[in-house]
Amino acid sequence: MKATPTVEKAEIEAQLAVMRRIKQNNAGRELKALVETYGCQQNVNDSERLKGMLAEMGYTMTESRGEADLILLNTCAVRENAEQRVFGVLGAMKHIKDERPNVIIGVCGCMPQQSAVAERIKAKHRHVDLIFGTHALYRFPSLLAEALEHRSRVVDIGGGGAIAEGLPSLRDGGVKAFVSVMYGCNNFCSYCVVPYVRGRERSRAPEDVLAEVRALAESGVKEVMLLGQNVNSYGNDRGETDAFARLLESVGKVNGIERIRFMSSHPKDISKTLLDAMARCEKVCNQLHLPLQSGSDRVLKDMNRRYDRERYLEIVDYARSVMPDLALTTDIIVGFPTEERADFEETLDMLRRIRCESIFSFIFSPREGTPAAKMKSRATDEEKTAWFNEMLEVQNAVSAERSLACVGKTYDILVEGPSRHEPDMLMGRTYANKIVNFKGDPSLVGKIARVRIISAQTWALLGEPV
């Protein structure tokens, strides 16, 4: 078996010692920290670790920039809009630093892992004290200690992305939790910056994943979402095959965990073994997030996706043969540089054929350093926007039809808490991840409730307890 690069235990112990030292130095002071998260579930999971480390250092969490003694932006680099939003926030934070010079302001995550972005932050946002990338996350205590003790800017965008186990994590205490099973990506899709900022694929040892899941179950968590840029590759770096299918079944045996989800799967290498494991394991939800990106074989080739329409449809057909009630979701990029109207029509055709519950869709955003950023666009911005809106109309109609088909049926709902928009109602999700709002006793939170669907909207269902 190959060895996955891991951070030495002695280094983790050193970081824990720094946390204790900072906490001792903060004794008697009421310090508050704010961690703002941008981007994917992986970033959310990273922020939970950052919050865990901050809690060990004596900080309490706040949602207010105005009362925070430390503000940390955990950033995303997948789309330009996400980066520009962060730069806008950084600009607005200058007045916080002017009014309260002792506030520590930091930027971490995927954006500063790009050296050009890190240089821009250093040059144009001198009020930022901490700048570190994804590979340096476990070194956060040492970086913060240096910034506090020397009152100087600290930058760390190096490191090889070794896996760090044994760091504390602070979650929101709900019934659901994210668990990263691997980091990085080897696929190098022509439009994507992830392999450059997250590094190559590294899989956590199954025993470490299971230990985390067991601890979550003991804390009251009922549903776990297993995360990876491409979970189908889990274990490949360790010389294993079908490792993720085995991991799913192992997680399914953990007492207290009632539901298991995962994302994402790459169509190029998803296996029947994995789909069979999903169908066989009762706790694994019949929900599959399978990014399509485009319905055009020509565009898929230009994207370096390494599958075609036929292969994608084969996967969906087999998945639905073993899981007839499968809920499928996908990602779509509109306006890839080589996309023309005929290619877009093929994407619409695929959406009508695969009939997803919902889609995550974006207009193409060029990322510096990727091959697609150098490609000349064949469509105007106006055309891309029109295509995007047209695609939403098609998908909204499909989503509404699939939601309407739920009316009159009864589902087991994992109750998560009060409804976001109707506080006097409860909210939960079906196995297919459809949101259901219904009136019920608050004691149902964290439990499975039987709910009959009485009406449907495009994105949510209204039910009544049975």
Protein backbone atom coordinates (compact mmCIF):
# COMPACT_ATOMS: atom_id res chain seq x y z
CA MET A 1 0.00 0.00 0.00
CA LYS A 2 1.27 3.47 -0.88
CA ALA A 3 1.71 6.08 1.85
CA THR A 4 -0.36 9.27 1.79
CA PRO A 5 1.66 12.31 2.98
CA THR A 6 0.64 13.15 6.53
CA VAL A 7 1.74 15.77 9.03
CA GLU A 8 3.99 14.29 11.71
CA LYS A 9 2.35 13.77 15.10
CA ALA A 10 5.09 15.88 16.70
CA GLU A 11 4.10 18.84 14.49
CA ILE A 12 0.44 18.51 15.51
CA GLU A 13 1.52 18.38 19.17
CA ALA A 14 3.53 21.55 18.59
CA GLN A 15 0.47 23.32 17.21
CA LEU A 16 -1.65 22.15 20.14
CA ALA A 17 1.02 23.53 22.48
CA VAL A 18 0.83 26.90 20.72
CA MET A 19 -2.96 26.89 21.18
CA ARG A 20 -2.51 26.33 24.92
CA ARG A 21 0.05 29.13 25.11
CA ILE A 22 -2.21 31.61 23.35
CA LYS A 23 -5.11 30.62 25.60
CA GLN A 24 -2.93 31.20 28.66
CA ASN A 25 -1.89 34.58 27.30
CA ASN A 26 -5.55 35.45 26.72
CA ALA A 27 -6.59 34.41 30.22
CA GLY A 28 -8.93 36.98 31.77
CA ARG A 29 -9.72 38.59 28.42
CA GLU A 30 -12.98 38.09 26.56
CA LEU A 31 -11.84 37.76 22.95
CA LYS A 32 -14.16 37.10 20.04
CA ALA A 33 -13.47 35.73 16.57
CA LEU A 34 -15.40 35.74 13.31
CA VAL A 35 -14.72 33.22 10.55
CA GLU A 36 -16.48 34.07 7.28
CA THR A 37 -16.67 31.22 4.79
CA TYR A 38 -16.91 31.52 1.01
CA GLY A 39 -17.33 28.63 -1.42
CA CYS A 40 -17.88 24.90 -1.16
CA GLN A 41 -18.63 22.43 1.62
CA GLN A 42 -14.91 21.65 1.83
CA ASN A 43 -14.33 25.26 2.85
CA VAL A 44 -17.12 24.99 5.43
CA ASN A 45 -15.38 21.93 6.86
CA ASP A 46 -12.04 23.78 6.90
CA SER A 47 -13.69 26.68 8.73
CA GLU A 48 -14.98 24.28 11.37
CA ARG A 49 -11.37 23.30 12.04
CA LEU A 50 -10.29 26.94 12.16
CA LYS A 51 -13.07 27.66 14.67
CA GLY A 52 -12.05 24.62 16.69
CA MET A 53 -8.49 25.88 16.92
CA LEU A 54 -9.68 29.38 17.85
CA ALA A 55 -11.90 27.96 20.61
CA GLU A 56 -8.89 26.09 22.00
CA MET A 57 -7.02 29.41 22.00
CA GLY A 58 -9.65 31.07 24.17
CA TYR A 59 -11.78 32.81 21.54
CA THR A 60 -15.57 32.72 21.45
CA MET A 61 -17.32 32.93 18.10
CA THR A 62 -19.31 35.93 16.93
CA GLU A 63 -21.22 36.86 13.77
CA SER A 64 -20.42 40.57 14.10
CA ARG A 65 -17.40 42.17 12.47
CA GLY A 66 -17.84 45.14 14.77
CA GLU A 67 -17.23 43.17 17.95
CA ALA A 68 -14.66 40.68 16.64
CA ASP A 69 -11.06 40.84 17.84
CA LEU A 70 -10.07 38.53 14.98
CA ILE A 71 -11.68 38.33 11.54
CA LEU A 72 -10.73 35.50 9.21
CA LEU A 73 -11.99 35.18 5.63
CA ASN A 74 -11.80 31.59 4.35
CA THR A 75 -11.95 32.10 0.60
CA CYS A 76 -12.90 30.41 -2.66
CA ALA A 77 -11.12 30.70 -6.02
CA VAL A 78 -13.42 28.66 -8.26
CA ARG A 79 -15.19 31.68 -9.79
CA GLU A 80 -14.20 35.27 -10.36
CA ASN A 81 -17.33 36.59 -8.63
CA ALA A 82 -16.30 34.86 -5.40
CA GLU A 83 -12.87 36.49 -5.51
CA GLN A 84 -14.23 39.94 -6.28
CA ARG A 85 -16.67 39.63 -3.40
CA VAL A 86 -13.80 38.93 -1.02
CA PHE A 87 -11.78 41.85 -2.34
CA GLY A 88 -14.85 44.05 -1.80
CA VAL A 89 -15.12 42.85 1.80
CA LEU A 90 -11.41 43.45 2.37
CA GLY A 91 -11.74 47.01 1.12
CA ALA A 92 -14.63 47.64 3.49
CA MET A 93 -12.62 46.27 6.41
CA LYS A 94 -9.99 48.99 6.23
CA HIS A 95 -12.12 51.26 8.37
CA ILE A 96 -12.35 48.52 11.03
CA LYS A 97 -8.57 48.45 11.20
CA ASP A 98 -8.41 52.25 11.30
CA GLU A 99 -10.86 52.39 14.21
CA ARG A 100 -9.46 49.36 16.07
CA PRO A 101 -5.78 48.85 15.13
CA ASN A 102 -5.44 45.77 17.37
CA VAL A 103 -7.98 43.76 15.39
CA ILE A 104 -6.33 40.85 13.56
CA ILE A 105 -7.59 40.49 9.97
CA GLY A 106 -6.71 37.37 8.00
CA VAL A 107 -7.33 35.86 4.57
CA CYS A 108 -6.92 32.13 4.08
CA GLY A 109 -8.05 29.28 1.85
CA CYS A 110 -7.96 28.93 -1.92
CA MET A 111 -7.47 32.56 -2.97
CA PRO A 112 -4.12 33.20 -1.29
CA GLN A 113 -2.87 29.75 -2.31
CA GLN A 114 -2.47 31.42 -5.73
CA SER A 115 0.75 33.41 -5.45
CA ALA A 116 -0.50 36.22 -7.75
CA VAL A 117 -3.57 36.75 -5.56
CA ALA A 118 -1.47 36.64 -2.40
CA GLU A 119 0.79 39.35 -3.86
CA ARG A 120 -2.25 41.48 -4.71
CA ILE A 121 -3.54 41.22 -1.16
CA LYS A 122 -0.12 42.12 0.23
CA ALA A 123 0.22 45.14 -2.06
CA LYS A 124 -3.30 46.61 -1.97
CA HIS A 125 -4.63 45.60 1.44
CA ARG A 126 -1.96 46.49 3.94
CA HIS A 127 -4.43 46.23 6.81
CA VAL A 128 -4.44 42.42 6.40
CA ASP A 129 -2.27 40.77 9.07
CA LEU A 130 -2.50 37.08 8.13
CA ILE A 131 -2.33 35.50 4.67
CA PHE A 132 -2.15 31.72 4.35
CA GLY A 133 -3.26 29.06 1.90
CA THR A 134 -5.03 25.72 2.11
CA HIS A 135 -1.82 23.77 2.74
CA ALA A 136 -0.94 25.85 5.80
CA LEU A 137 -4.29 25.55 7.57
CA TYR A 138 -2.94 23.24 10.28
CA ARG A 139 -0.19 25.80 11.02
CA PHE A 140 -2.76 28.49 11.82
CA PRO A 141 -1.94 28.60 15.58
CA SER A 142 1.76 29.29 14.93
CA LEU A 143 0.93 31.90 12.29
CA LEU A 144 -1.50 33.66 14.62
CA ALA A 145 1.00 33.56 17.48
CA GLU A 146 3.61 35.25 15.29
CA ALA A 147 1.15 37.94 14.24
CA LEU A 148 0.10 38.59 17.84
CA GLU A 149 3.57 38.57 19.37
CA HIS A 150 5.43 40.55 16.71
CA ARG A 151 2.55 42.67 15.38
CA SER A 152 3.81 42.07 11.88
CA ARG A 153 2.26 40.66 8.74
CA VAL A 154 2.56 36.88 8.42
CA VAL A 155 2.35 35.11 5.05
CA ASP A 156 2.43 31.34 4.42
CA ILE A 157 1.32 29.95 1.06
CA GLY A 158 3.78 27.07 0.96
CA GLY A 159 3.54 23.44 1.97
CA GLY A 160 2.76 20.27 0.09
CA GLY A 161 -0.75 19.62 1.31
CA ALA A 162 -0.06 16.80 3.76
CA ILE A 163 -3.07 15.50 5.70
CA ALA A 164 -3.23 16.73 9.30
CA GLU A 165 -5.13 14.60 11.80
CA GLY A 166 -5.83 15.40 15.44
CA LEU A 167 -6.85 19.05 15.13
CA PRO A 168 -9.94 20.27 17.02
CA SER A 169 -13.12 21.14 15.16
CA LEU A 170 -16.07 23.30 16.19
CA ARG A 171 -19.40 22.52 14.52
CA ASP A 172 -22.77 24.18 14.97
CA GLY A 173 -24.21 21.32 17.03
CA GLY A 174 -26.91 20.45 14.49
CA VAL A 175 -28.02 17.02 13.36
CA LYS A 176 -25.87 17.10 10.19
CA ALA A 177 -22.10 17.33 9.74
CA PHE A 178 -19.50 17.38 6.96
CA VAL A 179 -16.64 14.88 7.01
CA SER A 180 -13.79 15.27 4.52
CA VAL A 181 -12.52 11.90 3.33
CA MET A 182 -9.94 13.25 0.90
CA TYR A 183 -8.38 16.46 -0.34
CA GLY A 184 -7.17 17.72 -3.71
CA CYS A 185 -7.86 16.71 -7.29
CA ASN A 186 -5.94 15.05 -10.13
CA ASN A 187 -8.42 15.67 -12.95
CA PHE A 188 -7.22 19.03 -14.33
CA CYS A 189 -10.43 20.02 -16.10
CA SER A 190 -9.37 22.80 -18.43
CA TYR A 191 -11.49 25.46 -16.67
CA CYS A 192 -10.76 24.55 -13.05
CA VAL A 193 -8.23 25.97 -10.60
CA VAL A 194 -8.86 23.42 -7.83
CA PRO A 195 -5.83 21.14 -8.53
CA TYR A 196 -3.60 24.21 -8.33
CA VAL A 197 -4.96 25.50 -5.00
CA ARG A 198 -5.95 22.23 -3.31
CA GLY A 199 -3.08 20.11 -4.58
CA ARG A 200 -3.10 16.48 -5.68
CA GLU A 201 -5.43 13.85 -4.28
CA ARG A 202 -4.72 12.70 -0.74
CA SER A 203 -7.02 10.23 1.02
CA ARG A 204 -7.52 10.05 4.74
CA ALA A 205 -7.06 6.65 6.32
CA PRO A 206 -10.43 4.89 6.71
CA GLU A 207 -9.85 4.40 10.44
CA ASP A 208 -9.44 8.18 10.87
CA VAL A 209 -12.66 8.87 8.95
CA LEU A 210 -14.55 6.28 10.98
CA ALA A 211 -13.20 7.64 14.27
CA GLU A 212 -14.50 11.10 13.34
CA VAL A 213 -17.89 9.73 12.32
CA ARG A 214 -18.21 7.77 15.58
CA ALA A 215 -17.41 10.90 17.59
CA LEU A 216 -20.04 12.82 15.64
CA ALA A 217 -22.63 10.13 16.29
CA GLU A 218 -21.86 10.27 20.02
CA SER A 219 -22.43 14.05 19.92
CA GLY A 220 -25.92 13.60 18.43
CA VAL A 221 -25.23 13.95 14.72
CA LYS A 222 -27.64 11.85 12.63
CA GLU A 223 -26.48 12.60 9.08
CA VAL A 224 -22.98 12.89 7.64
CA MET A 225 -21.95 14.25 4.26
CA LEU A 226 -18.69 12.67 3.08
CA LEU A 227 -16.67 15.19 1.08
CA GLY A 228 -14.07 14.96 -1.67
CA GLN A 229 -13.42 16.72 -4.96
CA ASN A 230 -13.90 13.29 -6.54
CA VAL A 231 -14.85 10.61 -4.02
CA ASN A 232 -14.54 7.92 -6.73
CA SER A 233 -10.77 8.40 -6.43
CA TYR A 234 -10.73 7.82 -2.68
CA GLY A 235 -7.92 5.41 -1.88
CA ASN A 236 -6.26 5.55 -5.30
CA ASP A 237 -3.26 7.36 -3.83
CA ARG A 238 -3.00 4.52 -1.30
CA GLY A 239 -2.96 1.90 -4.05
CA GLU A 240 -6.52 0.75 -3.33
CA THR A 241 -9.49 0.12 -5.64
CA ASP A 242 -13.20 0.53 -4.81
CA ALA A 243 -12.12 1.96 -1.45
CA PHE A 244 -14.94 4.49 -1.30
CA ALA A 245 -17.61 1.81 -1.73
CA ARG A 246 -16.10 -0.04 1.24
CA LEU A 247 -15.89 3.17 3.25
CA LEU A 248 -19.59 3.86 2.64
CA GLU A 249 -20.52 0.46 3.99
CA SER A 250 -18.26 0.91 7.02
CA VAL A 251 -19.78 4.30 7.84
CA GLY A 252 -23.20 2.68 7.46
CA LYS A 253 -22.37 0.39 10.39
CA VAL A 254 -21.74 3.26 12.82
CA ASN A 255 -24.45 3.28 15.49
CA GLY A 256 -26.35 6.56 15.71
CA ILE A 257 -25.73 7.65 12.13
CA GLU A 258 -29.00 7.35 10.24
CA ARG A 259 -28.22 8.98 6.91
CA ILE A 260 -25.13 9.19 4.71
CA ARG A 261 -24.61 11.43 1.69
CA PHE A 262 -21.52 12.26 -0.33
CA MET A 263 -20.24 14.57 -3.03
CA SER A 264 -18.92 14.81 -5.61
CA SER A 265 -18.62 11.95 -8.08
CA HIS A 266 -16.83 12.34 -11.39
CA PRO A 267 -18.57 10.56 -14.31
CA LYS A 268 -15.24 9.45 -15.81
CA ASP A 269 -14.62 6.83 -13.13
CA ILE A 270 -17.79 6.19 -11.14
CA SER A 271 -18.23 2.43 -10.87
CA LYS A 272 -21.10 -0.02 -10.68
CA THR A 273 -19.50 -1.23 -7.46
CA LEU A 274 -20.11 2.18 -5.88
CA LEU A 275 -23.68 2.41 -7.18
CA ASP A 276 -24.39 -1.11 -5.95
CA ALA A 277 -23.03 -0.18 -2.52
CA MET A 278 -25.33 2.85 -2.44
CA ALA A 279 -28.31 0.66 -3.27
CA ARG A 280 -27.32 -2.02 -0.75
CA CYS A 281 -26.61 0.23 2.25
CA GLU A 282 -29.90 1.38 3.79
CA LYS A 283 -28.36 4.43 5.44
CA VAL A 284 -26.88 5.81 2.20
CA CYS A 285 -29.38 8.23 0.70
CA ASN A 286 -30.44 7.54 -2.87
CA GLN A 287 -29.06 10.89 -3.94
CA LEU A 288 -26.25 11.29 -6.45
CA HIS A 289 -24.51 14.52 -7.36
CA LEU A 290 -22.95 13.80 -10.75
CA PRO A 291 -21.58 16.92 -12.49
CA LEU A 292 -22.36 16.96 -16.22
CA GLN A 293 -20.99 20.46 -17.04
CA SER A 294 -22.07 20.25 -20.72
CA GLY A 295 -24.26 18.08 -22.91
CA SER A 296 -21.96 18.50 -25.92
CA ASP A 297 -19.31 15.86 -26.59
CA ARG A 298 -17.13 18.44 -28.32
CA VAL A 299 -17.27 20.84 -25.38
CA LEU A 300 -16.73 18.01 -22.89
CA LYS A 301 -13.55 17.13 -24.75
CA ASP A 302 -12.40 20.75 -24.66
CA MET A 303 -13.15 20.75 -20.93
CA ASN A 304 -10.95 17.65 -20.50
CA ARG A 305 -13.79 15.84 -18.75
CA ARG A 306 -12.93 12.39 -20.23
CA TYR A 307 -16.48 11.09 -20.74
CA ASP A 308 -19.21 11.72 -23.29
CA ARG A 309 -23.00 11.94 -23.38
CA GLU A 310 -23.38 8.21 -23.92
CA ARG A 311 -21.22 7.34 -20.93
CA TYR A 312 -23.10 9.79 -18.70
CA LEU A 313 -26.47 8.39 -19.73
CA GLU A 314 -25.21 4.83 -19.12
CA ILE A 315 -24.31 5.78 -15.55
CA VAL A 316 -27.68 7.40 -14.90
CA ASP A 317 -29.58 4.45 -16.41
CA TYR A 318 -27.68 1.93 -14.30
CA ALA A 319 -28.02 4.03 -11.14
CA ARG A 320 -31.79 4.25 -11.61
CA SER A 321 -32.01 0.52 -12.34
CA VAL A 322 -30.61 -0.28 -8.88
CA MET A 323 -32.16 2.79 -7.17
CA PRO A 324 -35.51 3.53 -8.88
CA ASP A 325 -36.16 6.48 -6.56
CA LEU A 326 -32.74 8.07 -7.21
CA ALA A 327 -32.53 11.83 -6.81
CA LEU A 328 -30.01 13.18 -9.31
CA THR A 329 -28.37 16.62 -9.14
CA THR A 330 -25.70 18.04 -11.40
CA ASP A 331 -23.48 21.01 -12.29
CA ILE A 332 -23.70 22.92 -15.57
CA ILE A 333 -21.33 25.54 -17.00
CA VAL A 334 -22.91 27.86 -19.56
CA GLY A 335 -20.77 29.78 -22.03
CA PHE A 336 -17.56 27.73 -22.03
CA PRO A 337 -15.28 29.46 -24.59
CA THR A 338 -15.76 26.86 -27.35
CA GLU A 339 -19.51 26.48 -26.75
CA GLU A 340 -21.85 27.46 -29.58
CA ARG A 341 -25.64 27.50 -29.78
CA ALA A 342 -25.76 23.92 -31.08
CA ASP A 343 -23.68 22.76 -28.11
CA PHE A 344 -25.99 24.57 -25.71
CA GLU A 345 -29.01 22.87 -27.32
CA GLU A 346 -27.39 19.52 -26.50
CA THR A 347 -27.11 20.57 -22.86
CA LEU A 348 -30.82 21.40 -22.79
CA ASP A 349 -31.56 18.03 -24.35
CA MET A 350 -29.55 16.26 -21.65
CA LEU A 351 -31.35 18.13 -18.87
CA ARG A 352 -34.71 17.07 -20.30
CA ARG A 353 -33.52 13.47 -20.51
CA ILE A 354 -31.83 13.02 -17.14
CA ARG A 355 -34.51 15.01 -15.22
CA CYS A 356 -32.54 16.25 -12.23
CA GLU A 357 -34.12 17.31 -8.97
CA SER A 358 -32.05 20.48 -9.22
CA ILE A 359 -28.88 21.82 -10.81
CA PHE A 360 -26.02 24.07 -9.79
CA SER A 361 -25.34 26.27 -12.79
CA PHE A 362 -22.92 29.08 -13.57
CA ILE A 363 -21.82 31.22 -16.47
CA PHE A 364 -18.21 30.38 -17.36
CA SER A 365 -15.66 32.32 -15.34
CA PRO A 366 -12.05 32.29 -16.64
CA ARG A 367 -9.47 31.37 -14.03
CA GLU A 368 -5.92 32.58 -14.51
CA GLY A 369 -3.47 29.74 -15.06
CA THR A 370 -5.99 27.31 -16.54
CA PRO A 371 -6.02 26.31 -20.24
CA ALA A 372 -9.58 27.58 -20.73
CA ALA A 373 -8.56 31.10 -19.68
CA LYS A 374 -6.54 31.34 -22.90
CA MET A 375 -9.40 30.21 -25.17
CA LYS A 376 -11.26 32.77 -27.26
CA SER A 377 -14.98 32.85 -26.56
CA ARG A 378 -17.33 32.08 -29.44
CA ALA A 379 -20.41 33.60 -27.77
CA THR A 380 -21.06 37.13 -26.53
CA ASP A 381 -21.78 37.91 -22.90
CA GLU A 382 -25.37 38.74 -23.90
CA GLU A 383 -25.76 35.32 -25.54
CA LYS A 384 -24.36 33.55 -22.50
CA THR A 385 -26.79 35.34 -20.19
CA ALA A 386 -29.72 34.53 -22.49
CA TRP A 387 -28.66 30.86 -22.62
CA PHE A 388 -28.33 30.75 -18.85
CA ASN A 389 -31.85 32.10 -18.33
CA GLU A 390 -33.23 29.73 -20.94
CA MET A 391 -31.60 26.79 -19.20
CA LEU A 392 -33.10 27.82 -15.85
CA GLU A 393 -36.56 27.87 -17.40
CA VAL A 394 -36.11 24.33 -18.69
CA GLN A 395 -34.75 23.03 -15.39
CA ASN A 396 -37.31 24.87 -13.24
CA ALA A 397 -40.07 23.16 -15.17
CA VAL A 398 -38.45 19.75 -14.60
CA SER A 399 -37.89 20.48 -10.89
CA ALA A 400 -41.50 21.60 -10.47
CA GLU A 401 -42.79 18.42 -12.13
CA ARG A 402 -40.63 16.22 -9.90
CA SER A 403 -41.78 18.08 -6.79
CA LEU A 404 -45.44 17.84 -7.85
CA ALA A 405 -45.04 14.07 -8.19
CA CYS A 406 -44.33 13.93 -4.44
CA VAL A 407 -47.78 15.25 -3.45
CA GLY A 408 -49.84 12.59 -1.70
CA LYS A 409 -46.80 10.47 -0.82
CA THR A 410 -45.43 9.88 2.66
CA TYR A 411 -41.73 10.21 3.46
CA ASP A 412 -39.37 9.74 6.37
CA ILE A 413 -38.03 13.21 7.17
CA LEU A 414 -34.91 13.93 9.22
CA VAL A 415 -36.03 17.02 11.13
CA GLU A 416 -33.26 19.63 11.24
CA GLY A 417 -34.94 22.50 13.10
CA PRO A 418 -37.25 25.47 12.53
CA SER A 419 -37.99 26.44 8.93
CA ARG A 420 -35.81 29.31 7.77
CA HIS A 421 -38.72 31.32 6.38
CA GLU A 422 -41.51 30.00 8.62
CA PRO A 423 -40.15 29.87 12.20
CA ASP A 424 -43.38 28.35 13.53
CA MET A 425 -42.88 25.33 11.28
CA LEU A 426 -40.29 22.57 11.25
CA MET A 427 -37.95 21.82 8.37
CA GLY A 428 -36.38 18.57 7.30
CA ARG A 429 -35.31 16.67 4.22
CA THR A 430 -36.30 13.52 2.45
CA TYR A 431 -33.77 10.86 1.50
CA ALA A 432 -33.70 12.62 -1.89
CA ASN A 433 -32.67 15.84 -0.09
CA LYS A 434 -35.94 17.65 -0.85
CA ILE A 435 -36.79 20.30 1.73
CA VAL A 436 -40.07 19.68 3.56
CA ASN A 437 -41.76 22.22 5.83
CA PHE A 438 -44.48 21.07 8.21
CA LYS A 439 -46.11 21.92 11.55
CA GLY A 440 -44.88 19.73 14.37
CA ASP A 441 -43.63 19.59 17.93
CA PRO A 442 -40.09 20.99 18.41
CA SER A 443 -39.20 17.74 20.21
CA LEU A 444 -39.04 16.14 16.75
CA VAL A 445 -35.78 17.99 15.94
CA GLY A 446 -33.03 15.44 15.37
CA LYS A 447 -35.51 12.62 14.84
CA ILE A 448 -37.08 10.90 11.86
CA ALA A 449 -40.70 11.96 11.31
CA ARG A 450 -43.29 10.46 8.96
CA VAL A 451 -44.70 13.28 6.86
CA ARG A 452 -47.32 13.26 4.10
CA ILE A 453 -46.79 15.84 1.33
CA ILE A 454 -49.86 18.00 0.75
CA SER A 455 -48.51 20.61 -1.70
CA ALA A 456 -45.40 21.38 -3.70
CA GLN A 457 -43.36 24.34 -4.78
CA THR A 458 -40.39 24.18 -7.13
CA TRP A 459 -37.79 24.06 -4.36
CA ALA A 460 -39.72 22.90 -1.29
CA LEU A 461 -42.61 20.71 -0.20
CA LEU A 462 -45.34 21.35 2.38
CA GLY A 463 -46.34 18.42 4.53
CA GLU A 464 -48.29 17.26 7.53
CA PRO A 465 -47.15 14.71 10.13
CA VAL A 466 -48.67 11.26 9.87
